[in-house]
Amino acid sequence: MSAFLRRAADIAHKTTVTGLFGLFGYGLYGLTNQVLEHQGFKSSQAHPQAGFIQMLRDKCAEEYAKYHDTGHRDWYDKDDDSYLKKLPRPRDYQEKKRNE
């Protein structure tokens, strides 16, 4: 009787281990496919706000370039509204649409 129970326990153990390895493999397969699919998606489509992000990068580079320059006027003046002209507008950073 003891040999029968030992054999049944061995079969149950092998089945459980095989099932867990299979589940791990299937999960790894699904994750790998999602990663590869996402990489293909990123390279095939442009970011919808790529123009805005690039405009922010350009503005940041411009601000860093004049950080140590004491000759520029960049302080607040009550009557001066020229800062409104520097505000980003969608037409500044949206990509040009082609007439097709």
Protein backbone atom coordinates (compact mmCIF):
# COMPACT_ATOMS: atom_id res chain seq x y z
CA MET A 1 0.00 0.00 0.00
CA SER A 2 2.86 2.34 0.81
CA ALA A 3 4.40 1.86 -2.64
CA PHE A 4 1.08 2.70 -4.28
CA LEU A 5 0.73 5.98 -2.31
CA ARG A 6 4.35 6.88 -3.00
CA ARG A 7 3.83 6.34 -6.74
CA ALA A 8 0.63 8.42 -6.70
CA ALA A 9 2.44 11.22 -4.85
CA ASP A 10 5.28 11.13 -7.38
CA ILE A 11 2.83 11.39 -10.28
CA ALA A 12 0.97 14.26 -8.60
CA HIS A 13 4.28 16.05 -7.96
CA LYS A 14 5.48 15.62 -11.55
CA THR A 15 2.13 16.80 -12.88
CA THR A 16 2.16 19.89 -10.66
CA VAL A 17 5.76 20.81 -11.52
CA THR A 18 5.17 20.28 -15.24
CA GLY A 19 2.01 22.40 -15.07
CA LEU A 20 3.80 25.21 -13.26
CA PHE A 21 6.67 25.18 -15.77
CA GLY A 22 4.13 25.23 -18.61
CA LEU A 23 2.28 28.16 -17.03
CA PHE A 24 5.55 30.06 -16.56
CA GLY A 25 6.52 29.36 -20.18
CA TYR A 26 3.14 30.48 -21.48
CA GLY A 27 3.32 33.69 -19.44
CA LEU A 28 6.83 34.38 -20.71
CA TYR A 29 5.65 33.75 -24.28
CA GLY A 30 2.76 36.23 -23.89
CA LEU A 31 4.97 38.87 -22.29
CA THR A 32 7.58 38.50 -25.03
CA ASN A 33 4.93 38.94 -27.72
CA GLN A 34 3.59 42.07 -26.04
CA VAL A 35 7.06 43.59 -25.78
CA LEU A 36 7.85 42.85 -29.41
CA GLU A 37 4.48 44.18 -30.54
CA HIS A 38 4.97 47.39 -28.57
CA GLN A 39 8.42 47.94 -30.05
CA GLY A 40 6.97 47.61 -33.53
CA PHE A 41 4.19 50.02 -32.62
CA LYS A 42 6.59 52.64 -31.31
CA SER A 43 8.71 52.62 -34.42
CA SER A 44 5.78 52.64 -36.85
CA GLN A 45 3.83 55.57 -35.37
CA ALA A 46 4.96 59.02 -34.36
CA HIS A 47 4.04 60.34 -30.94
CA PRO A 48 0.88 62.47 -31.21
CA GLN A 49 2.54 65.35 -29.34
CA ALA A 50 6.03 65.01 -30.79
CA GLY A 51 6.01 68.59 -32.08
CA PHE A 52 5.06 69.99 -28.68
CA ILE A 53 7.72 67.94 -26.89
CA GLN A 54 10.39 69.07 -29.35
CA MET A 55 9.27 72.69 -28.93
CA LEU A 56 9.66 72.33 -25.14
CA ARG A 57 13.13 70.85 -25.60
CA ASP A 58 14.12 73.74 -27.87
CA LYS A 59 12.79 76.31 -25.39
CA CYS A 60 14.67 74.59 -22.57
CA ALA A 61 17.91 74.66 -24.57
CA GLU A 62 17.34 78.33 -25.33
CA GLU A 63 16.76 79.14 -21.65
CA TYR A 64 19.88 77.24 -20.59
CA ALA A 65 21.92 79.06 -23.25
CA LYS A 66 21.02 82.47 -21.81
CA TYR A 67 21.17 81.41 -18.14
CA HIS A 68 24.55 83.06 -17.47
CA ASP A 69 24.01 85.92 -19.93
CA THR A 70 23.42 89.12 -17.94
CA GLY A 71 22.68 91.21 -21.01
CA HIS A 72 19.18 89.90 -21.63
CA ARG A 73 16.10 91.48 -20.13
CA ASP A 74 13.97 88.78 -18.58
CA TRP A 75 12.30 90.37 -15.59
CA TYR A 76 8.73 91.42 -15.00
CA ASP A 77 7.50 94.80 -16.17
CA LYS A 78 3.91 95.76 -15.41
CA ASP A 79 3.25 97.41 -18.78
CA ASP A 80 5.19 94.93 -20.90
CA ASP A 81 3.06 92.19 -22.43
CA SER A 82 5.65 90.83 -24.85
CA TYR A 83 5.71 87.59 -22.87
CA LEU A 84 2.31 86.84 -24.39
CA LYS A 85 3.95 86.65 -27.81
CA LYS A 86 6.34 83.99 -26.50
CA LEU A 87 3.57 81.65 -25.32
CA PRO A 88 3.45 78.39 -27.26
CA ARG A 89 0.48 78.06 -29.57
CA PRO A 90 -0.65 74.87 -31.29
CA ARG A 91 0.24 76.25 -34.71
CA ASP A 92 3.85 76.60 -33.54
CA TYR A 93 4.38 72.97 -32.73
CA GLN A 94 1.84 71.03 -34.77
CA GLU A 95 3.22 69.20 -37.73
CA LYS A 96 2.32 70.64 -41.08
CA LYS A 97 -0.50 68.66 -42.70
CA ARG A 98 -0.16 67.77 -46.33
CA ASN A 99 -2.96 68.51 -48.74
CA GLU A 100 -3.67 65.16 -50.32
